[in-house]
Protein backbone atom coordinates (compact mmCIF):
# COMPACT_ATOMS: atom_id res chain seq x y z
CA MET A 1 0.03 0.06 0.07
CA THR A 2 1.21 3.48 -0.86
CA LEU A 3 0.56 6.84 0.49
CA GLU A 4 -1.90 7.82 -1.78
CA ASP A 5 -4.00 4.53 -1.27
CA PHE A 6 -5.11 5.53 2.27
CA ILE A 7 -8.62 6.85 2.03
CA LEU A 8 -9.68 9.66 4.48
CA PRO A 9 -13.28 10.39 4.85
CA PHE A 10 -12.94 13.98 3.74
CA GLY A 11 -10.75 13.70 0.87
CA GLY A 12 -7.15 14.73 0.62
CA LYS A 13 -4.18 12.93 1.42
CA LEU A 14 -1.73 11.96 4.25
CA ASP A 15 1.50 14.40 4.64
CA ALA A 16 4.33 12.04 3.27
CA GLY A 17 6.58 14.12 5.75
CA SER A 18 4.80 12.51 8.98
CA ARG A 19 7.05 10.47 11.39
CA TRP A 20 4.63 7.66 11.54
CA VAL A 21 4.63 7.51 7.66
CA LYS A 22 8.37 7.00 7.99
CA LEU A 23 8.09 4.62 10.56
CA ALA A 24 5.84 2.80 8.63
CA ALA A 25 8.49 2.33 5.87
CA LEU A 26 11.43 1.35 8.49
CA MET A 27 9.80 -1.26 10.07
CA PRO A 28 10.92 -4.80 9.52
CA TRP A 29 7.00 -6.03 9.11
CA ASP A 30 8.18 -9.07 7.41
CA MET A 31 10.11 -10.22 10.09
CA ILE A 32 7.28 -9.03 12.74
CA GLU A 33 4.97 -11.30 10.85
CA ASP A 34 7.09 -14.41 11.06
CA VAL A 35 7.77 -13.62 14.57
CA TYR A 36 4.11 -13.12 15.44
CA ALA A 37 2.96 -16.49 13.62
CA ARG A 38 5.63 -18.66 15.87
CA SER A 39 3.66 -17.32 19.00
CA PHE A 40 0.68 -19.29 18.14
CA LYS A 41 0.50 -22.80 19.37
CA ASN A 42 -2.83 -23.82 17.91
CA LYS A 43 -2.70 -24.21 14.08
CA ARG A 44 -6.37 -24.78 13.76
CA ARG A 45 -8.16 -22.87 11.29
CA ASP A 46 -11.73 -22.96 12.52
CA GLY A 47 -11.29 -20.54 15.25
CA ARG A 48 -11.72 -16.79 15.37
CA PRO A 49 -9.02 -15.08 13.20
CA ALA A 50 -6.25 -13.53 14.72
CA ILE A 51 -5.52 -9.77 14.85
CA PRO A 52 -2.94 -8.99 12.25
CA ALA A 53 0.67 -8.83 13.48
CA ARG A 54 1.00 -5.30 12.13
CA ILE A 55 -1.74 -4.22 13.94
CA ALA A 56 -0.67 -6.05 17.23
CA PHE A 57 2.94 -4.81 17.18
CA GLY A 58 2.25 -1.43 16.03
CA SER A 59 -0.07 -0.99 18.91
CA LEU A 60 2.68 -1.72 21.22
CA HIS A 61 5.41 0.48 19.51
CA ILE A 62 2.56 3.35 19.62
CA GLN A 63 2.36 2.68 23.42
CA ALA A 64 6.09 2.84 24.00
CA SER A 65 6.77 5.62 21.67
CA GLU A 66 4.04 8.04 23.20
CA CYS A 67 3.94 6.35 26.80
CA PHE A 68 0.10 5.83 26.54
CA THR A 69 -1.96 3.53 29.00
CA ASP A 70 -3.57 0.88 27.14
CA GLU A 71 -6.91 2.77 27.16
CA LYS A 72 -5.10 5.63 25.36
CA VAL A 73 -3.54 3.61 22.79
CA VAL A 74 -7.20 2.36 21.60
CA GLU A 75 -8.47 6.00 21.74
CA ASN A 76 -5.90 7.59 19.74
CA ILE A 77 -5.64 4.89 16.99
CA SER A 78 -9.40 5.31 16.45
CA GLU A 79 -8.75 9.27 16.30
CA ASN A 80 -5.67 9.60 14.43
CA PRO A 81 -5.34 8.47 10.65
CA TYR A 82 -1.40 8.54 11.02
CA LEU A 83 -1.51 5.98 13.31
CA GLN A 84 -3.89 3.80 11.47
CA TYR A 85 -1.91 4.11 8.45
CA PHE A 86 1.07 2.93 10.44
CA LEU A 87 -0.83 -0.06 11.43
CA GLY A 88 -1.72 -0.92 7.72
CA LEU A 89 -5.35 0.25 7.29
CA HIS A 90 -6.43 1.33 4.04
CA GLU A 91 -9.07 3.45 5.26
CA PHE A 92 -9.54 5.47 8.29
CA GLN A 93 -12.41 4.24 10.79
CA THR A 94 -13.44 5.46 14.06
CA LYS A 95 -14.68 1.86 15.25
CA PRO A 96 -11.94 0.73 17.92
CA LEU A 97 -9.60 -2.00 16.18
CA PHE A 98 -9.67 -4.10 19.36
CA ASP A 99 -10.58 -4.20 23.01
CA THR A 100 -8.12 -2.52 25.61
CA SER A 101 -7.67 -6.25 27.12
CA MET A 102 -5.93 -7.57 23.88
CA MET A 103 -2.74 -5.13 24.84
CA THR A 104 -1.76 -7.54 27.39
CA TYR A 105 -1.96 -10.51 24.86
CA PHE A 106 0.04 -8.72 22.43
CA ARG A 107 2.78 -8.30 24.98
CA LYS A 108 2.80 -11.95 25.71
CA ARG A 109 3.19 -12.63 21.83
CA PHE A 110 6.21 -10.73 21.62
CA THR A 111 8.81 -11.95 24.21
CA ALA A 112 11.72 -9.49 25.13
CA ASP A 113 14.05 -11.55 22.93
CA ASP A 114 11.95 -11.31 19.85
CA VAL A 115 11.89 -7.39 20.41
CA ALA A 116 15.63 -7.40 20.68
CA ALA A 117 15.77 -9.47 17.24
CA ILE A 118 13.69 -6.90 15.89
CA ASN A 119 16.01 -3.97 17.07
CA GLU A 120 18.74 -5.68 15.51
CA GLU A 121 16.81 -5.79 12.31
CA LEU A 122 16.03 -2.33 12.36
CA TYR A 123 19.59 -1.48 12.94
CA ARG A 124 20.79 -3.59 10.10
CA ARG A 125 18.38 -2.04 7.63
CA VAL A 126 19.19 1.53 8.75
CA HIS A 127 23.06 0.89 8.89
CA PRO A 128 23.75 -1.81 5.95
CA PRO A 129 27.00 -3.57 6.66
CA LYS A 130 30.05 -2.24 5.00
CA ASP A 131 32.09 -4.14 2.67
CA GLU A 132 35.52 -2.78 3.31
CA PRO A 133 36.98 -3.71 6.70
CA PRO A 134 38.30 -1.19 9.28
CA GLN A 135 41.26 0.80 8.12
CA GLY A 136 44.46 -0.98 8.78
CA GLY A 137 42.65 -4.20 9.56
CA GLY A 138 41.57 -5.43 12.87
CA ASN A 139 39.07 -3.59 15.11
CA GLY A 140 37.11 -0.71 14.55
CA GLY A 141 34.23 1.42 16.33
CA THR A 142 33.43 2.25 19.80
CA LEU A 143 31.30 0.19 22.33
CA VAL A 144 29.84 1.94 25.37
CA LEU A 145 28.62 0.11 28.13
CA ASP A 146 26.44 0.81 31.35
CA ALA A 147 23.93 -0.93 33.53
CA THR A 148 20.54 0.81 34.67
CA VAL A 149 17.29 -0.42 36.73
CA SER A 150 13.87 -0.11 35.50
CA PRO A 151 11.49 0.44 38.42
CA ALA A 152 8.37 -1.57 38.36
CA ASP A 153 5.29 0.31 39.66
CA VAL A 154 5.45 -1.21 43.23
CA ARG A 155 4.97 0.49 46.67
CA TYR A 156 8.06 1.12 48.53
CA PRO A 157 7.83 -2.17 50.84
CA THR A 158 8.23 -2.41 54.32
CA ASP A 159 7.86 -5.91 56.58
CA LEU A 160 4.87 -4.52 58.40
CA SER A 161 2.78 -3.47 55.13
CA LEU A 162 3.59 -6.59 53.36
CA LEU A 163 2.51 -8.90 56.00
CA ASN A 164 -0.51 -6.88 56.52
CA GLU A 165 -1.44 -7.35 52.89
CA CYS A 166 -0.57 -10.91 53.22
CA ARG A 167 -3.05 -11.40 56.01
CA GLU A 168 -5.92 -9.54 54.13
CA ASN A 169 -5.09 -11.92 51.05
CA VAL A 170 -5.42 -15.00 53.36
CA GLU A 171 -8.71 -13.70 54.59
CA GLU A 172 -10.04 -13.20 50.96
CA LEU A 173 -9.08 -16.68 50.04
CA ILE A 174 -11.03 -18.03 53.26
CA ASP A 175 -14.14 -16.06 52.35
CA THR A 176 -13.98 -17.49 48.87
CA VAL A 177 -13.91 -21.13 49.97
CA TRP A 178 -16.04 -20.75 53.07
CA ASP A 179 -19.51 -20.99 51.45
CA LYS A 180 -18.57 -24.15 50.06
CA THR A 181 -17.83 -25.78 53.29
CA GLU A 182 -20.53 -26.72 55.89
CA LYS A 183 -18.59 -24.77 58.89
CA ARG A 184 -20.37 -22.06 60.52
CA GLY A 185 -19.04 -19.67 63.20
CA HIS A 186 -16.18 -17.55 63.05
CA LYS A 187 -13.99 -17.82 59.82
CA THR A 188 -10.39 -17.36 61.31
CA SER A 189 -9.10 -18.12 64.49
CA TYR A 190 -8.35 -14.72 65.34
CA ASN A 191 -10.29 -11.34 65.73
CA ARG A 192 -9.78 -9.85 62.07
CA ARG A 193 -11.00 -6.08 63.43
CA LYS A 194 -8.45 -6.47 66.40
CA ALA A 195 -5.66 -7.59 63.64
CA ARG A 196 -6.42 -4.70 61.55
CA LYS A 197 -6.66 -2.33 64.39
CA ARG A 198 -3.13 -3.53 65.60
CA TYR A 199 -1.70 -2.56 62.22
CA LEU A 200 -3.26 0.76 61.99
CA LYS A 201 -1.84 1.72 65.40
CA ILE A 202 2.01 1.56 64.32
CA ALA A 203 1.09 2.41 60.63
CA LYS A 204 -0.35 5.75 61.38
CA LEU A 205 2.65 7.03 63.74
CA ARG A 206 5.00 9.30 61.84
CA LYS A 207 7.91 8.02 63.04
CA ALA A 208 7.36 4.59 65.07
CA LYS A 209 10.13 3.15 67.36
CA ARG A 210 11.93 0.22 66.31
CA LYS A 211 10.76 -2.14 69.24
CA ALA A 212 7.17 -1.48 68.44
CA VAL A 213 7.51 -1.81 64.71
CA LYS A 214 9.34 -5.30 65.52
CA GLN A 215 6.33 -6.25 67.77
CA ALA A 216 3.74 -5.35 65.03
CA VAL A 217 5.79 -7.47 62.46
CA SER A 218 5.67 -10.40 64.86
CA GLU A 219 1.94 -9.94 65.72
CA GLN A 220 0.98 -9.58 61.74
CA LEU A 221 3.12 -12.59 61.02
CA ASP A 222 1.37 -14.64 63.75
CA TYR A 223 -2.02 -13.86 61.95
CA VAL A 224 -0.72 -14.66 58.74
CA GLU A 225 0.55 -17.91 59.87
CA ARG A 226 -2.69 -18.99 61.71
CA GLY A 227 -4.92 -17.76 58.81
CA LEU A 228 -2.79 -20.01 56.63
CA SER A 229 -3.44 -22.88 58.87
CA ASP A 230 -7.42 -22.05 58.98
CA LEU A 231 -7.13 -22.11 55.16
CA ASP A 232 -5.49 -25.45 54.64
CA ASN A 233 -8.02 -26.98 57.32
CA LEU A 234 -10.80 -25.72 54.94
CA LEU A 235 -9.00 -27.00 51.59
CA ALA A 236 -8.35 -30.36 53.22
CA ALA A 237 -12.08 -31.15 52.96
CA LEU A 238 -12.54 -29.73 49.36
CA PRO A 239 -11.74 -30.71 45.83
CA LYS A 240 -8.41 -29.03 44.11
CA ASP A 241 -10.32 -27.36 41.68
CA THR A 242 -12.16 -25.13 44.53
CA LEU A 243 -9.60 -22.46 43.69
CA LYS A 244 -8.40 -21.23 40.37
CA HIS A 245 -4.52 -21.29 39.12
CA ARG A 246 -3.92 -17.67 39.81
CA GLN A 247 -5.60 -18.04 43.44
CA TRP A 248 -3.18 -21.21 44.04
CA GLU A 249 -0.15 -18.92 42.90
CA ARG A 250 -1.11 -16.48 45.13
CA LEU A 251 -1.19 -19.17 47.97
CA ALA A 252 1.93 -20.39 47.29
CA THR A 253 3.54 -16.71 47.43
CA LEU A 254 1.92 -16.28 50.78
CA ARG A 255 3.36 -19.21 52.24
CA SER A 256 6.89 -18.04 50.75
CA VAL A 257 6.30 -14.69 52.46
CA ALA A 258 5.53 -16.14 55.84
CA GLU A 259 8.68 -18.66 55.84
CA GLN A 260 11.05 -15.65 54.68
CA GLN A 261 9.65 -13.21 57.14
CA ARG A 262 9.82 -15.94 60.13
CA THR A 263 13.39 -16.66 59.07
CA HIS A 264 14.34 -12.96 58.99
CA LEU A 265 12.42 -12.31 62.32
CA GLU A 266 14.45 -15.19 63.96
CA ASN A 267 17.84 -14.28 62.37
CA PRO A 268 17.88 -10.56 61.11
CA GLN A 269 21.33 -10.99 59.78
CA ALA A 270 20.53 -14.09 57.61
CA SER A 271 20.57 -13.67 53.92
CA ILE A 272 17.40 -14.45 52.01
CA PRO A 273 17.36 -15.56 48.53
CA ASP A 274 14.88 -14.43 46.19
CA ARG A 275 13.27 -12.11 48.87
CA ILE A 276 9.59 -11.12 47.79
CA VAL A 277 8.60 -7.69 48.45
CA ASN A 278 5.31 -7.32 46.52
CA LEU A 279 2.45 -9.66 46.44
CA ARG A 280 1.16 -8.81 42.94
CA GLN A 281 4.69 -9.14 41.31
CA PRO A 282 6.57 -11.67 43.38
CA HIS A 283 9.27 -11.63 40.76
CA VAL A 284 10.51 -7.91 41.64
CA ARG A 285 13.84 -8.12 43.82
CA PRO A 286 15.45 -5.26 45.71
CA ILE A 287 18.43 -4.03 43.74
CA VAL A 288 21.39 -2.07 45.63
CA ARG A 289 22.37 0.68 43.36
CA GLY A 290 23.60 3.32 45.85
CA LYS A 291 22.19 6.22 44.05
CA ALA A 292 21.55 9.29 45.79
CA GLY A 293 18.13 9.32 47.31
CA HIS A 294 17.48 6.01 45.55
CA PRO A 295 19.95 3.51 47.38
CA VAL A 296 17.73 0.75 46.63
CA GLU A 297 15.38 0.25 43.62
CA PHE A 298 12.82 -2.58 42.99
CA GLY A 299 12.56 -3.71 39.10
CA GLN A 300 14.50 -5.15 36.48
CA LYS A 301 18.23 -4.84 35.87
CA LEU A 302 19.29 -3.82 32.27
CA GLY A 303 22.62 -3.89 30.74
CA PHE A 304 22.97 -1.21 27.94
CA SER A 305 25.53 -1.08 25.03
CA VAL A 306 25.40 1.98 22.70
CA VAL A 307 27.02 1.95 19.41
CA ASP A 308 26.46 5.00 17.14
CA GLY A 309 23.78 6.21 19.53
CA TYR A 310 21.83 3.05 18.86
CA THR A 311 20.93 1.26 21.90
CA PHE A 312 21.04 -2.37 22.56
CA ILE A 313 20.05 -4.46 25.55
CA ASP A 314 22.83 -6.99 26.25
CA ALA A 315 21.67 -8.36 29.67
CA GLN A 316 18.20 -8.33 31.37
CA SER A 317 17.20 -9.80 34.45
CA PHE A 318 15.20 -9.21 37.81
CA ASP A 319 17.88 -10.74 39.82
CA ASN A 320 20.85 -8.34 40.59
CA PHE A 321 24.10 -9.29 38.69
CA ASN A 322 27.33 -7.68 38.49
CA GLU A 323 27.64 -5.93 35.12
CA GLY A 324 31.31 -6.08 35.23
CA VAL A 325 30.79 -9.93 33.84
CA THR A 326 28.74 -8.79 30.79
CA LEU A 327 31.46 -6.83 29.10
CA ILE A 328 33.03 -10.16 27.24
CA ALA A 329 29.44 -10.96 25.89
CA SER A 330 28.71 -7.49 24.92
CA ALA A 331 32.14 -7.65 22.51
CA GLU A 332 31.11 -10.82 21.14
CA LYS A 333 27.90 -9.61 20.12
CA TYR A 334 29.59 -6.53 18.69
CA LYS A 335 31.58 -8.92 16.68
CA ALA A 336 28.56 -11.00 15.58
CA ARG A 337 26.87 -7.87 14.49
CA PHE A 338 29.91 -5.92 12.48
CA GLY A 339 32.32 -8.92 11.88
CA HIS A 340 35.15 -7.31 14.05
CA TYR A 341 36.00 -6.43 17.72
CA PRO A 342 35.36 -2.66 18.69
CA GLU A 343 38.59 -0.82 19.04
CA ARG A 344 37.81 0.68 22.31
CA ILE A 345 35.21 -0.15 24.95
CA LEU A 346 34.00 3.14 27.17
CA ALA A 347 32.66 1.47 30.82
CA ASP A 348 32.58 2.16 34.34
CA THR A 349 35.15 0.88 36.95
CA ILE A 350 33.41 -1.96 37.57
CA TYR A 351 33.89 -3.49 34.14
CA ARG A 352 37.90 -3.06 34.66
CA ASN A 353 38.34 -6.29 36.30
CA ARG A 354 41.30 -8.46 35.41
CA GLU A 355 39.39 -10.83 33.26
CA ASN A 356 38.03 -8.06 31.16
CA ARG A 357 41.20 -6.37 31.08
CA ARG A 358 42.99 -9.81 29.90
CA PHE A 359 40.08 -10.39 27.25
CA CYS A 360 40.55 -6.88 25.87
CA LYS A 361 44.28 -7.23 25.50
CA GLU A 362 44.17 -10.35 23.99
CA HIS A 363 41.83 -8.98 21.21
CA GLY A 364 43.59 -5.78 20.56
CA ILE A 365 40.76 -3.71 22.36
CA ARG A 366 41.50 -0.68 24.43
CA LEU A 367 39.57 -0.46 27.70
CA SER A 368 38.83 2.97 29.24
CA GLY A 369 40.60 3.62 32.63
CA PRO A 370 43.92 3.93 33.76
CA ARG A 371 46.69 1.34 33.14
CA LEU A 372 47.57 -1.05 36.27
CA GLY A 373 50.53 -0.33 37.88
CA ARG A 374 52.72 2.87 38.71
CA PRO A 375 52.01 5.40 35.97
CA LYS A 376 55.04 6.77 34.13
CA ALA A 377 56.11 10.16 33.99
CA ASP A 378 55.96 10.61 30.41
CA GLU A 379 52.53 8.73 29.82
CA LEU A 380 50.99 10.77 32.71
CA GLU A 381 49.66 13.69 30.63
CA ALA A 382 48.81 11.69 27.67
CA ASP A 383 46.80 9.20 29.88
CA ARG A 384 44.97 12.43 31.46
CA GLU A 385 43.87 13.78 27.91
CA MET A 386 42.71 10.14 26.84
CA ALA A 387 40.76 9.74 29.96
CA TYR A 388 39.25 12.84 29.26
CA ARG A 389 38.09 12.17 25.90
CA ASP A 390 37.04 8.53 26.79
CA SER A 391 34.84 10.24 29.54
CA CYS A 392 33.44 12.62 27.09
CA ASP A 393 32.51 9.80 24.70
CA ARG A 394 30.90 7.96 27.45
CA ASN A 395 28.45 10.18 28.21
CA ILE A 396 26.25 9.38 25.36
CA VAL A 397 25.35 6.16 27.65
CA GLU A 398 24.03 8.21 30.53
CA SER A 399 21.90 10.39 28.02
CA ARG A 400 20.28 7.33 26.43
CA ASN A 401 19.59 6.11 30.09
CA GLY A 402 17.97 9.32 30.91
CA ILE A 403 16.11 9.73 27.59
CA ALA A 404 14.62 6.02 28.03
CA LYS A 405 13.40 6.98 31.47
CA ARG A 406 12.49 10.64 31.28
CA ARG A 407 10.72 10.50 27.64
CA TYR A 408 9.92 6.74 27.32
CA GLY A 409 8.67 5.63 30.60
CA LEU A 410 11.51 3.46 31.60
CA ASP A 411 11.57 4.91 34.94
CA GLY A 412 8.18 3.29 35.75
CA ILE A 413 7.04 -0.09 34.11
CA LEU A 414 3.30 -0.45 34.53
CA THR A 415 2.89 -4.20 33.47
CA TYR A 416 2.54 -6.67 36.48
CA LEU A 417 3.64 -10.05 34.77
CA SER A 418 7.52 -10.78 34.38
CA CYS A 419 7.58 -11.51 31.01
CA THR A 420 5.48 -8.53 29.79
CA ALA A 421 7.46 -6.39 31.90
CA LYS A 422 10.66 -7.46 30.01
CA THR A 423 8.90 -7.12 26.80
CA GLU A 424 7.73 -3.48 27.80
CA ALA A 425 11.34 -2.52 28.59
CA ALA A 426 12.62 -3.81 25.21
CA LEU A 427 9.75 -2.02 23.53
CA VAL A 428 10.85 1.10 25.14
CA VAL A 429 14.43 0.70 23.70
CA LEU A 430 13.17 0.07 20.26
CA ALA A 431 11.04 3.14 20.27
CA MET A 432 13.88 5.25 21.33
CA ASN A 433 16.00 3.59 18.70
CA ALA A 434 13.31 4.21 15.84
CA ALA A 435 13.37 7.86 16.76
CA HIS A 436 17.13 8.06 16.45
CA CYS A 437 16.79 6.59 13.33
CA LEU A 438 14.48 9.26 12.07
CA ARG A 439 17.02 11.67 13.20
CA THR A 440 19.55 9.96 11.66
CA LEU A 441 18.02 9.93 8.19
CA LEU A 442 17.09 13.51 8.59
CA ARG A 443 20.83 14.37 9.25
CA THR A 444 22.15 12.17 6.26
CA PHE A 445 19.96 13.94 3.77
CA PHE A 446 21.01 17.60 4.86
CA ALA A 447 24.56 16.29 5.11
CA ARG A 448 24.24 15.24 1.40
CA VAL A 449 22.45 18.45 0.36
CA PHE A 450 25.41 20.64 1.74
CA ARG A 451 27.93 18.24 0.27
CA LEU A 452 26.20 18.80 -3.20
CA LEU A 453 26.07 22.60 -2.47
CA ARG A 454 29.97 22.62 -1.57
CA CYS A 455 30.97 20.71 -4.57
CA SER A 456 29.13 22.59 -7.01
CA GLU A 457 30.55 25.76 -8.73
CA VAL A 458 27.19 26.96 -9.86
CA PHE A 459 26.57 28.57 -6.46
CA SER A 460 29.14 31.23 -6.51
CA GLY A 461 26.85 34.07 -4.89
CA PHE A 462 23.36 34.40 -4.14
CA GLY A 463 21.43 37.41 -2.58
CA GLY A 464 24.52 39.51 -2.57
CA TYR A 465 26.55 36.95 -0.12
CA PRO A 466 29.53 35.46 -1.01
CA VAL A 467 29.43 31.44 -1.59
CA GLY A 468 32.62 29.85 -2.43
CA PRO A 469 32.73 26.80 -4.83
CA LYS A 470 34.30 24.22 -2.34
CA VAL A 471 33.31 25.75 1.25
CA LEU A 472 30.15 27.62 1.89
CA HIS A 473 30.79 31.14 3.45
CA PHE A 474 28.34 33.58 5.37
CA THR A 475 29.91 36.74 6.21
CA GLY A 476 26.80 38.64 7.23
CA SER A 477 25.78 39.10 11.00
CA PHE A 478 23.60 36.36 12.65
CA SER A 479 20.49 38.67 12.32
CA GLU A 480 20.92 38.21 8.50
CA LEU A 481 20.84 34.62 8.41
CA PRO A 482 17.06 34.11 7.62
CA VAL A 483 17.47 36.84 5.14
CA PHE A 484 20.47 34.72 3.39
CA PHE A 485 18.47 31.33 3.43
CA CYS A 486 15.41 32.99 1.90
CA ALA A 487 17.27 34.51 -1.09
CA PHE A 488 19.76 31.56 -1.36
CA LEU A 489 17.58 28.58 -1.23
CA PRO A 490 14.94 29.53 -3.90
CA ALA A 491 17.84 30.45 -6.59
CA CYS A 492 19.31 26.77 -6.19
CA ALA A 493 16.14 24.70 -5.28
CA LYS A 494 16.01 23.43 -8.95
CA THR A 495 19.74 22.34 -9.21
CA ILE A 496 19.41 20.76 -5.55
CA TYR A 497 16.17 18.74 -6.97
CA THR A 498 17.79 17.55 -9.95
CA ARG A 499 21.23 16.29 -8.31
CA LEU A 500 19.40 14.81 -5.23
CA SER A 501 17.18 12.97 -7.77
CA VAL A 502 20.00 11.40 -9.59
CA ARG A 503 22.15 10.77 -6.36
CA LEU A 504 19.65 9.36 -3.85
């Protein structure tokens, strides 16, 4: 379908310069179709037709690009013809294309690895591989590494609030199965109102004492354990299908939290692996980062690598990991992508361990940072200048982290499942890279325009301003710049169009 084939209700046609029109031409829809088809396990053809892959993935991309909620995505698609063209529709329609709940299924269809593969394909199509090897052979290019945490949408957890939430969930499960039994009387072996009152007594304090908090935690933990015992007695006389699959999962999480909190209460210094801090998202782990104001973050940890302003996710996990061990894997992915190792790797101090230094030395890669051992007097100044240049070049990964969090919503993932949360983080990176591709294409276009102007002797002077045959010179003041362009561009527009139509 071309741009002219899209039918608008009141006539006219879409603007070819719209970013959604350009993104529609950039996206690897053929690869997305293959990935989407592999996600279907049932091959039967007698059921309801599936929503097309372009609509499914395009909706996810729109959500990541504009930081929309699921409801806002459906609303904006039904109101914007450019979004409908991006999704592959042939005619504008005001009826919603799908229900809001389908966004969750779309995220399940595309895993984080699938989105990462689409990200690689998008980079390959915008940056085709070069036939010539790096100058002089060997390595080439720069690889910038860093790690960050994408926080989940959870309340800052405390043991007291977590146990109170566990107690309330146990009581809800007891209420669910109570009507299916023949028992009468009190549903729990403790007074619910008293348990709630004991929790609020400490929770409402502005600054509770440590001893009072510990006592309240012990009380709430006792209520939870007694509630779980009451629930087990009820379930013993009922069939297994009394509770749904999701309720059984929640019950397993409640038992794990009770065991962890009992261990922590009896031995506060003991390490608790896979500690649960949120009932709705039990996969979320506390990750200590040591940042000012946020020493501990709760979410997934991402290992980023930036090449030519394009961001890739090399490591992604809800468990905390040492980002220093990901350098070798990132360098190998760089080689698989370009056919050679990078000339230099710019990274933090945590990446400069002995194993990484040995790997970089064996493969001729210069790792940023000072050399091991006592610095020599004649090399001290040169090392300082090199370290300063490396630190300046490494700032791009910090800017990419900030853009992903501030602009594209990586600072607060709103999905609850672990698989969909990873997919959403990968979609954020893909949306950021797609926007970078559009800027790269625009920069390439103007670079070719001015290269034609510099190499042409026709533009030797327009509007009273001297223009050299090889270099474009402007000798007027800054306030005269708009006048210069108004006089210069119309005069050479025909020649620019003729040359670009041949070269582009």
